[in-house]
């Protein structure tokens, strides 16, 4: 009996310790938000030599006004690169480049380059999101196994003061992207010679708390709703994808449906997840957004923070003066139109768990500390060889305080092809934030109405 009593005590202690592993931070740690840390948990101070400046609040909404077609002025249009990294000089900067960037220099030694500009910490989030972030710091926890959140306040960063890799990847998954968002963008998968067919899509993203019919009881496990409709080419027009992303993916996995305009049928789409192929097989579904969906098939390790040259303040890349053909080139996008800055990032490695299935054996993910948005990723095949490299060219809608991508690019080092999405240079009034939406807009039955042609 004494032995049994000790076992019970030991088991109780282990349970307590296990619950503390992913517990929220204590109040004295949460008080650092807005003090030595920014309100979302980034290091507020400059780096040692000042090449990364201190965060002073981000770009104000008064920085510029969108033109009649919805494009914001580039606050840094007159800046010139400090220097340009090429394949010949990459070795000099390798401590501030990722393995993926170095691989792109090796794959395209004559054309791939990284123009480095002065660093600007432009990102800030709305007060509503910052208030939710403070609550999350004190209350949000990971569910058992790390495949979901408990006590999460929508719209805020789940773990602004993270303790491990799982918390950091959930910060990317749950980061702020506006209450609701509607956009029209172009994606393409160019051939090796640069030829491409533009696919124009209407995409809608909504968080329950931003909806007119928000119900905290019925929607307590919904992280976000996503709907995507093909507008062109004609052979794909009218096809619609609907996704319900959940907060606790153990309790309820992601749900997805597809509407086929030719068949006029709505079908469940359980394959819209993990390593199912997308973009002509050039990326996986969980590559989108540099990572999305359930993180449960990988062990996530927090390597730490690094200073890296990452795509940032990419206003030039979304300029309305550019055509898609100006951007899309053989092998990679036109790097002369890109902008890279030195920033601090969280570096994660994700290793495939024993017994789990995925075409990637390992991923490296680099996440910007100010926006919690992905900046760079690397994916390795089953033999441990580097296979794919992704870059997120970040921009910031300073008028509504939403960080987003001007372009998201996924490079296949073996085939020499790539997939690019989120371009909107040739679209007018492409982005609309805080659009009135309700949960009825994101039901399977609503797909038939949306996709009729």
Protein backbone atom coordinates (compact mmCIF):
# COMPACT_ATOMS: atom_id res chain seq x y z
CA UNK A 1 0.00 0.00 0.00
CA UNK A 2 2.86 2.36 0.85
CA UNK A 3 4.43 1.54 -2.49
CA UNK A 4 1.15 2.21 -4.28
CA UNK A 5 0.76 5.50 -2.42
CA UNK A 6 4.22 6.61 -3.58
CA UNK A 7 3.37 5.65 -7.16
CA UNK A 8 0.20 7.74 -6.99
CA UNK A 9 2.15 10.70 -5.62
CA UNK A 10 4.77 10.25 -8.29
CA UNK A 11 2.14 10.03 -10.99
CA UNK A 12 0.44 13.16 -9.69
CA UNK A 13 3.78 15.01 -9.66
CA UNK A 14 4.49 13.97 -13.24
CA UNK A 15 1.05 15.18 -14.31
CA UNK A 16 1.64 18.53 -12.64
CA UNK A 17 5.04 18.86 -14.28
CA UNK A 18 3.60 17.87 -17.65
CA UNK A 19 0.88 20.50 -17.35
CA UNK A 20 3.49 23.12 -16.47
CA UNK A 21 5.54 22.40 -19.58
CA UNK A 22 3.01 24.25 -21.72
CA UNK A 23 1.47 26.49 -19.08
CA UNK A 24 1.00 30.20 -19.63
CA UNK A 25 3.77 32.50 -18.37
CA UNK A 26 3.57 34.06 -14.89
CA UNK A 27 2.44 37.66 -14.47
CA UNK A 28 5.95 39.04 -13.97
CA UNK A 29 7.00 37.59 -17.33
CA UNK A 30 3.86 38.82 -19.08
CA UNK A 31 4.66 42.31 -17.74
CA UNK A 32 7.66 42.37 -20.09
CA UNK A 33 5.25 42.90 -23.01
CA UNK A 34 5.49 46.58 -23.83
CA UNK A 35 8.55 46.96 -21.56
CA UNK A 36 11.78 45.33 -22.77
CA UNK A 37 9.70 43.33 -25.25
CA UNK A 38 7.31 44.72 -27.83
CA UNK A 39 3.59 44.16 -27.22
CA UNK A 40 3.83 40.93 -29.29
CA UNK A 41 6.99 39.62 -27.64
CA UNK A 42 9.80 40.74 -29.95
CA UNK A 43 13.00 42.18 -28.55
CA UNK A 44 12.38 45.91 -28.44
CA UNK A 45 16.01 47.08 -28.42
CA UNK A 46 18.35 47.41 -31.37
CA UNK A 47 21.05 44.84 -32.02
CA UNK A 48 24.67 45.43 -30.97
CA UNK A 49 25.76 47.48 -33.99
CA UNK A 50 22.41 49.14 -34.68
CA UNK A 51 21.93 47.45 -38.06
CA UNK A 52 18.59 46.23 -36.66
CA UNK A 53 16.97 49.32 -35.12
CA UNK A 54 14.94 49.47 -31.96
CA UNK A 55 11.19 49.01 -32.35
CA UNK A 56 9.47 52.36 -31.85
CA UNK A 57 5.87 51.54 -32.68
CA UNK A 58 5.91 50.61 -36.36
CA UNK A 59 4.63 52.64 -39.29
CA UNK A 60 1.73 54.92 -38.36
CA UNK A 61 -1.52 54.74 -40.33
CA UNK A 62 -0.82 58.28 -41.56
CA UNK A 63 2.25 57.09 -43.51
CA UNK A 64 0.30 57.19 -46.77
CA UNK A 65 -3.12 56.88 -48.37
CA UNK A 66 -4.13 54.17 -50.81
CA UNK A 67 -4.72 55.31 -54.39
CA UNK A 68 -7.94 54.77 -56.33
CA UNK A 69 -6.89 51.18 -57.14
CA UNK A 70 -6.15 50.34 -53.51
CA UNK A 71 -2.33 50.42 -53.57
CA UNK A 72 -0.49 52.03 -50.66
CA UNK A 73 2.53 54.27 -51.30
CA UNK A 74 5.96 52.69 -50.75
CA UNK A 75 7.43 54.49 -47.70
CA UNK A 76 10.95 53.53 -48.80
CA UNK A 77 10.71 54.12 -52.54
CA UNK A 78 13.77 56.39 -52.58
CA UNK A 79 16.10 54.01 -50.73
CA UNK A 80 18.94 52.25 -52.53
CA UNK A 81 20.46 48.89 -51.58
CA UNK A 82 23.31 48.97 -49.10
CA UNK A 83 24.84 46.11 -51.11
CA UNK A 84 23.77 43.18 -53.27
CA UNK A 85 24.71 39.60 -52.39
CA UNK A 86 25.52 37.40 -55.37
CA UNK A 87 26.74 33.82 -55.74
CA UNK A 88 30.29 35.19 -55.87
CA UNK A 89 29.95 37.00 -52.52
CA UNK A 90 27.47 34.75 -50.67
CA UNK A 91 30.20 33.06 -48.63
CA UNK A 92 31.04 36.42 -47.00
CA UNK A 93 27.50 36.66 -45.60
CA UNK A 94 26.74 33.00 -44.87
CA UNK A 95 26.29 33.62 -41.15
CA UNK A 96 23.24 35.78 -42.02
CA UNK A 97 21.85 33.57 -44.79
CA UNK A 98 19.83 30.37 -44.55
CA UNK A 99 20.86 27.04 -46.02
CA UNK A 100 18.00 27.50 -48.46
CA UNK A 101 19.24 30.88 -49.68
CA UNK A 102 22.74 29.47 -50.15
CA UNK A 103 21.22 26.60 -52.14
CA UNK A 104 19.41 29.08 -54.40
CA UNK A 105 22.72 30.85 -55.07
CA UNK A 106 24.24 27.49 -56.01
CA UNK A 107 21.26 26.52 -58.21
CA UNK A 108 21.07 29.87 -60.03
CA UNK A 109 24.57 31.38 -59.74
CA UNK A 110 24.12 33.86 -62.59
CA UNK A 111 20.70 35.30 -61.73
CA UNK A 112 19.72 34.81 -58.09
CA UNK A 113 20.73 37.76 -55.92
CA UNK A 114 19.76 39.36 -52.62
CA UNK A 115 19.61 43.17 -52.54
CA UNK A 116 20.04 44.27 -48.92
CA UNK A 117 18.42 47.53 -47.81
CA UNK A 118 18.37 49.42 -44.49
CA UNK A 119 16.23 47.66 -41.88
CA UNK A 120 12.93 49.16 -40.76
CA UNK A 121 10.74 47.63 -38.05
CA UNK A 122 7.43 48.65 -39.56
CA UNK A 123 4.96 46.17 -38.03
CA UNK A 124 2.44 47.01 -35.34
CA UNK A 125 -0.93 45.43 -34.56
CA UNK A 126 -4.29 46.94 -33.56
CA UNK A 127 -5.07 47.51 -29.88
CA UNK A 128 -7.72 44.76 -30.00
CA UNK A 129 -5.10 42.22 -31.06
CA UNK A 130 -2.59 43.43 -28.46
CA UNK A 131 -5.17 43.10 -25.68
CA UNK A 132 -5.87 39.51 -26.75
CA UNK A 133 -2.12 38.85 -26.87
CA UNK A 134 -1.71 40.00 -23.25
CA UNK A 135 -4.52 37.67 -22.19
CA UNK A 136 -2.98 34.82 -24.14
CA UNK A 137 0.37 35.31 -22.41
CA UNK A 138 -1.34 34.70 -19.07
CA UNK A 139 -3.87 32.04 -20.06
CA UNK A 140 -3.25 30.18 -23.34
CA UNK A 141 -1.89 26.65 -23.12
CA UNK A 142 -1.25 23.81 -25.53
CA UNK A 143 -3.54 20.81 -25.33
CA UNK A 144 -2.01 17.42 -24.64
CA UNK A 145 0.36 16.55 -27.46
CA UNK A 146 0.57 20.16 -28.58
CA UNK A 147 -1.94 19.83 -31.42
CA UNK A 148 -4.27 22.57 -30.29
CA UNK A 149 -4.83 25.49 -27.94
CA UNK A 150 -6.76 25.95 -24.73
CA UNK A 151 -7.99 29.27 -23.26
CA UNK A 152 -6.99 31.02 -26.49
CA UNK A 153 -8.18 34.57 -27.18
CA UNK A 154 -8.73 34.95 -30.91
CA UNK A 155 -6.93 37.72 -32.74
CA UNK A 156 -3.92 37.70 -30.44
CA UNK A 157 -0.56 35.98 -30.64
CA UNK A 158 -1.01 32.68 -28.74
CA UNK A 159 2.42 32.62 -27.02
CA UNK A 160 4.12 36.03 -27.19
CA UNK A 161 6.80 34.75 -24.78
CA UNK A 162 7.32 31.20 -26.14
CA UNK A 163 9.22 28.48 -24.34
CA UNK A 164 9.61 25.88 -27.09
CA UNK A 165 9.22 25.12 -30.77
CA UNK A 166 5.58 24.05 -30.60
CA UNK A 167 4.56 27.35 -29.08
CA UNK A 168 6.47 29.26 -31.76
CA UNK A 169 4.87 27.37 -34.67
CA UNK A 170 1.45 28.01 -33.11
CA UNK A 171 2.34 31.72 -33.06
CA UNK A 172 2.78 31.52 -36.84
CA UNK A 173 -0.48 29.57 -37.25
CA UNK A 174 -2.50 31.86 -34.98
CA UNK A 175 -0.94 35.22 -35.82
CA UNK A 176 -3.05 38.30 -36.60
CA UNK A 177 -4.15 38.81 -40.22
CA UNK A 178 -7.12 41.10 -39.71
CA UNK A 179 -10.59 40.21 -38.43
CA UNK A 180 -11.80 39.43 -41.94
CA UNK A 181 -10.04 39.67 -45.28
CA UNK A 182 -11.13 39.44 -48.90
CA UNK A 183 -8.60 39.58 -51.70
CA UNK A 184 -8.14 38.81 -55.39
CA UNK A 185 -4.67 37.48 -56.19
CA UNK A 186 -2.78 35.62 -58.87
CA UNK A 187 -0.82 32.42 -58.51
CA UNK A 188 1.32 30.62 -61.08
CA UNK A 189 3.61 27.63 -61.51
CA UNK A 190 6.02 28.67 -64.27
CA UNK A 191 7.79 26.21 -66.55
CA UNK A 192 11.59 26.20 -66.50
CA UNK A 193 11.60 28.72 -69.38
CA UNK A 194 9.38 31.12 -67.42
CA UNK A 195 6.14 30.48 -69.32
CA UNK A 196 3.09 30.44 -67.06
CA UNK A 197 -0.68 30.43 -66.97
CA UNK A 198 -2.07 32.97 -64.49
CA UNK A 199 -4.58 31.57 -62.02
CA UNK A 200 -6.69 34.35 -60.53
CA UNK A 201 -8.44 33.56 -57.26
CA UNK A 202 -10.80 35.25 -54.85
CA UNK A 203 -9.81 34.34 -51.31
CA UNK A 204 -11.67 35.09 -48.09
CA UNK A 205 -10.34 34.62 -44.58
CA UNK A 206 -12.40 35.27 -41.46
CA UNK A 207 -12.01 34.81 -37.72
CA UNK A 208 -15.15 34.08 -35.70
CA UNK A 209 -14.74 37.09 -33.43
CA UNK A 210 -14.84 39.36 -36.47
CA UNK A 211 -18.18 38.00 -37.72
CA UNK A 212 -21.60 39.55 -37.32
CA UNK A 213 -23.06 36.34 -35.87
CA UNK A 214 -20.18 35.34 -33.60
CA UNK A 215 -21.30 32.73 -31.09
CA UNK A 216 -18.64 31.83 -28.48
CA UNK A 217 -20.37 28.51 -27.75
CA UNK A 218 -20.90 27.07 -31.23
CA UNK A 219 -17.67 28.53 -32.61
CA UNK A 220 -15.43 27.95 -29.60
CA UNK A 221 -13.23 25.52 -31.56
CA UNK A 222 -13.00 27.46 -34.83
CA UNK A 223 -9.69 29.23 -35.39
CA UNK A 224 -10.59 30.59 -38.83
CA UNK A 225 -12.70 30.13 -41.94
CA UNK A 226 -11.14 30.15 -45.41
CA UNK A 227 -12.77 30.14 -48.83
CA UNK A 228 -11.06 30.20 -52.21
CA UNK A 229 -12.73 30.52 -55.61
CA UNK A 230 -11.02 30.23 -59.00
CA UNK A 231 -11.90 33.14 -61.29
CA UNK A 232 -9.60 32.07 -64.15
CA UNK A 233 -8.49 30.28 -66.29
CA UNK A 234 -11.84 29.28 -67.78
CA UNK A 235 -11.29 25.55 -67.30
CA UNK A 236 -11.00 26.05 -63.53
CA UNK A 237 -13.38 28.98 -63.03
CA UNK A 238 -16.13 28.37 -60.50
CA UNK A 239 -14.25 25.78 -58.45
CA UNK A 240 -14.38 26.58 -54.74
CA UNK A 241 -12.47 25.34 -51.69
CA UNK A 242 -13.79 25.78 -48.15
CA UNK A 243 -11.78 25.14 -44.98
CA UNK A 244 -12.76 25.28 -41.30
CA UNK A 245 -9.51 25.51 -39.30
CA UNK A 246 -9.88 24.40 -35.69
CA UNK A 247 -8.21 25.56 -32.50
CA UNK A 248 -8.03 22.15 -30.82
CA UNK A 249 -7.23 19.79 -33.68
CA UNK A 250 -7.28 16.76 -31.38
CA UNK A 251 -10.87 17.45 -30.43
CA UNK A 252 -11.87 18.22 -34.02
CA UNK A 253 -9.52 18.03 -37.05
CA UNK A 254 -9.60 20.53 -39.90
CA UNK A 255 -12.69 20.20 -42.12
CA UNK A 256 -12.58 20.94 -45.85
CA UNK A 257 -14.96 20.78 -48.82
CA UNK A 258 -14.58 21.36 -52.56
CA UNK A 259 -17.15 22.47 -55.11
CA UNK A 260 -16.60 21.23 -58.67
CA UNK A 261 -18.30 23.64 -61.05
CA UNK A 262 -18.42 21.10 -63.88
CA UNK A 263 -20.16 18.47 -61.75
CA UNK A 264 -22.05 21.00 -59.61
CA UNK A 265 -21.27 18.89 -56.56
CA UNK A 266 -19.88 19.65 -53.11
CA UNK A 267 -17.62 16.98 -51.69
CA UNK A 268 -15.63 16.64 -48.51
CA UNK A 269 -11.92 17.09 -49.12
CA UNK A 270 -9.93 15.40 -46.35
CA UNK A 271 -6.85 15.50 -48.60
CA UNK A 272 -6.58 19.28 -48.18
CA UNK A 273 -3.92 18.91 -45.51
CA UNK A 274 -0.40 17.80 -44.71
CA UNK A 275 1.67 16.67 -47.71
CA UNK A 276 -1.05 16.41 -50.34
CA UNK A 277 0.36 18.00 -53.51
CA UNK A 278 -0.61 21.49 -54.65
CA UNK A 279 0.49 24.00 -57.29
CA UNK A 280 1.23 21.34 -59.92
CA UNK A 281 3.07 19.29 -57.33
CA UNK A 282 5.57 22.05 -56.53
CA UNK A 283 4.49 22.41 -52.91
CA UNK A 284 2.36 20.65 -50.32
CA UNK A 285 -0.84 21.93 -48.79
CA UNK A 286 0.95 22.55 -45.50
CA UNK A 287 3.65 24.58 -47.30
CA UNK A 288 1.11 27.33 -47.96
CA UNK A 289 1.67 30.40 -45.76
CA UNK A 290 5.13 28.83 -45.12
CA UNK A 291 3.31 26.46 -42.77
CA UNK A 292 -0.32 25.82 -41.98
CA UNK A 293 -2.51 23.15 -40.45
CA UNK A 294 -1.79 20.57 -37.79
CA UNK A 295 1.83 20.37 -36.55
CA UNK A 296 1.38 16.90 -35.05
CA UNK A 297 3.46 14.84 -37.50
CA UNK A 298 6.69 16.59 -36.58
CA UNK A 299 8.79 17.15 -33.47
CA UNK A 300 9.39 20.90 -33.28
CA UNK A 301 12.67 22.08 -31.80
CA UNK A 302 13.42 25.72 -31.03
CA UNK A 303 16.97 26.40 -32.21
CA UNK A 304 16.84 30.01 -31.03
CA UNK A 305 16.97 33.49 -32.50
CA UNK A 306 19.18 34.51 -35.40
CA UNK A 307 19.88 37.66 -37.36
CA UNK A 308 19.16 36.97 -41.03
CA UNK A 309 18.64 38.78 -44.29
CA UNK A 310 14.97 38.11 -45.04
CA UNK A 311 12.45 39.55 -47.52
CA UNK A 312 10.89 42.59 -45.85
CA UNK A 313 8.92 45.74 -46.66
CA UNK A 314 8.38 44.37 -50.17
CA UNK A 315 6.31 47.30 -51.41
CA UNK A 316 8.15 47.49 -54.72
CA UNK A 317 7.28 43.87 -55.48
CA UNK A 318 3.56 44.66 -55.29
CA UNK A 319 3.76 47.87 -57.31
CA UNK A 320 0.85 48.44 -59.75
CA UNK A 321 3.39 49.62 -62.33
CA UNK A 322 4.60 46.03 -62.69
CA UNK A 323 3.07 43.32 -64.83
CA UNK A 324 3.16 39.70 -63.73
CA UNK A 325 5.59 39.03 -66.57
CA UNK A 326 7.99 41.55 -64.98
CA UNK A 327 8.09 39.42 -61.83
CA UNK A 328 7.90 35.83 -63.07
CA UNK A 329 11.15 34.74 -64.69
CA UNK A 330 12.84 31.37 -65.41
CA UNK A 331 14.00 29.60 -62.25
CA UNK A 332 12.95 32.25 -59.75
CA UNK A 333 11.13 35.55 -59.48
CA UNK A 334 12.89 38.74 -60.57
CA UNK A 335 15.20 39.32 -57.63
CA UNK A 336 15.96 42.87 -58.80
CA UNK A 337 12.46 43.76 -57.63
CA UNK A 338 12.92 42.29 -54.15
CA UNK A 339 14.01 43.87 -50.91
CA UNK A 340 15.81 42.11 -48.04
CA UNK A 341 16.59 43.52 -44.61
CA UNK A 342 18.43 42.29 -41.54
CA UNK A 343 15.95 41.14 -38.90
CA UNK A 344 15.80 38.80 -35.94
CA UNK A 345 13.97 35.54 -36.58
CA UNK A 346 12.96 32.51 -34.57
CA UNK A 347 14.58 29.39 -36.05
CA UNK A 348 12.72 26.08 -35.72
CA UNK A 349 13.58 22.61 -36.94
CA UNK A 350 10.78 20.09 -37.44
CA UNK A 351 11.74 16.41 -37.62
CA UNK A 352 9.26 13.79 -38.79
CA UNK A 353 8.09 11.68 -35.87
CA UNK A 354 8.75 7.93 -35.94
CA UNK A 355 5.80 6.12 -37.49
CA UNK A 356 4.34 9.27 -39.09
CA UNK A 357 4.06 9.81 -42.85
CA UNK A 358 5.11 12.91 -44.79
CA UNK A 359 7.17 13.50 -47.93
CA UNK A 360 9.45 15.77 -45.88
CA UNK A 361 11.76 14.22 -43.31
CA UNK A 362 12.68 17.61 -41.89
CA UNK A 363 11.76 21.28 -42.19
CA UNK A 364 13.50 24.42 -41.04
CA UNK A 365 11.24 27.41 -40.45
CA UNK A 366 12.37 31.00 -39.85
CA UNK A 367 9.76 33.35 -38.35
CA UNK A 368 9.98 37.14 -38.12
CA UNK A 369 9.93 38.26 -34.48
CA UNK A 370 7.83 41.40 -35.11
CA UNK A 371 4.96 39.89 -37.13
CA UNK A 372 5.22 36.15 -36.33
CA UNK A 373 4.98 35.67 -40.08
CA UNK A 374 7.12 33.08 -41.85
CA UNK A 375 10.10 34.45 -43.75
CA UNK A 376 12.07 31.43 -45.01
CA UNK A 377 11.63 27.66 -44.94
CA UNK A 378 13.60 24.63 -46.07
CA UNK A 379 12.22 21.14 -46.70
CA UNK A 380 14.30 17.95 -46.89
CA UNK A 381 13.40 14.72 -48.65
CA UNK A 382 13.32 11.24 -47.12
CA UNK A 383 17.07 10.84 -47.64
CA UNK A 384 17.86 14.10 -45.84
CA UNK A 385 18.70 16.10 -48.96
CA UNK A 386 17.52 19.70 -49.28
CA UNK A 387 14.62 19.65 -51.74
CA UNK A 388 12.50 22.80 -51.51
CA UNK A 389 13.05 26.37 -50.36
CA UNK A 390 10.31 28.92 -49.67
CA UNK A 391 10.48 32.70 -49.23
CA UNK A 392 7.74 34.96 -47.92
CA UNK A 393 8.14 38.51 -49.23
CA UNK A 394 6.58 40.47 -46.39
CA UNK A 395 4.72 43.72 -46.64
CA UNK A 396 2.63 45.68 -44.15
CA UNK A 397 -0.75 47.32 -44.70
CA UNK A 398 -0.01 50.19 -42.33
CA UNK A 399 -3.42 51.78 -42.83
CA UNK A 400 -5.13 48.80 -41.13
CA UNK A 401 -2.11 47.35 -39.28
CA UNK A 402 -2.02 43.97 -41.00
CA UNK A 403 1.21 42.18 -42.02
CA UNK A 404 0.86 40.02 -45.14
CA UNK A 405 2.83 38.69 -48.14
CA UNK A 406 3.39 40.63 -51.34
CA UNK A 407 4.51 37.29 -52.77
CA UNK A 408 5.01 33.77 -51.44
CA UNK A 409 7.43 31.65 -53.47
CA UNK A 410 8.14 27.92 -53.25
CA UNK A 411 11.25 26.73 -55.11
CA UNK A 412 11.84 23.12 -56.15
CA UNK A 413 15.62 22.76 -56.38
CA UNK A 414 15.42 19.46 -58.29
CA UNK A 415 12.97 20.38 -61.07
CA UNK A 416 14.12 23.97 -61.39
CA UNK A 417 10.51 25.17 -61.21
CA UNK A 418 8.66 27.18 -58.59
CA UNK A 419 5.19 28.20 -57.47
CA UNK A 420 4.33 31.79 -56.62
CA UNK A 421 1.15 33.13 -55.07
CA UNK A 422 -0.30 36.30 -53.51
CA UNK A 423 0.66 38.58 -56.44
CA UNK A 424 -1.89 41.31 -57.09
CA UNK A 425 -0.10 43.91 -59.24
CA UNK A 426 -2.64 43.75 -62.08
CA UNK A 427 -5.73 43.61 -59.86
CA UNK A 428 -7.66 46.69 -58.76
CA UNK A 429 -8.73 47.09 -55.13
CA UNK A 430 -7.47 43.60 -54.54
CA UNK A 431 -7.46 43.75 -50.73
CA UNK A 432 -10.41 44.58 -48.51
CA UNK A 433 -10.08 44.19 -44.75
CA UNK A 434 -12.76 43.96 -42.07
CA UNK A 435 -15.46 43.04 -44.58
CA UNK A 436 -18.85 42.21 -42.98
CA UNK A 437 -19.14 38.40 -42.96
CA UNK A 438 -21.11 35.74 -41.16
CA UNK A 439 -20.64 32.03 -40.56
CA UNK A 440 -23.36 31.39 -43.16
CA UNK A 441 -20.91 32.54 -45.82
CA UNK A 442 -18.65 29.60 -44.95
CA UNK A 443 -21.03 26.64 -45.04
CA UNK A 444 -20.84 23.78 -47.57
CA UNK A 445 -24.28 24.74 -48.90
CA UNK A 446 -23.00 28.25 -49.64
CA UNK A 447 -20.39 26.81 -52.02
CA UNK A 448 -23.01 25.93 -54.63
CA UNK A 449 -24.18 29.52 -54.74
CA UNK A 450 -20.64 30.90 -54.87
CA UNK A 451 -19.44 28.58 -57.60
CA UNK A 452 -22.35 28.78 -60.06
CA UNK A 453 -21.21 29.84 -63.51
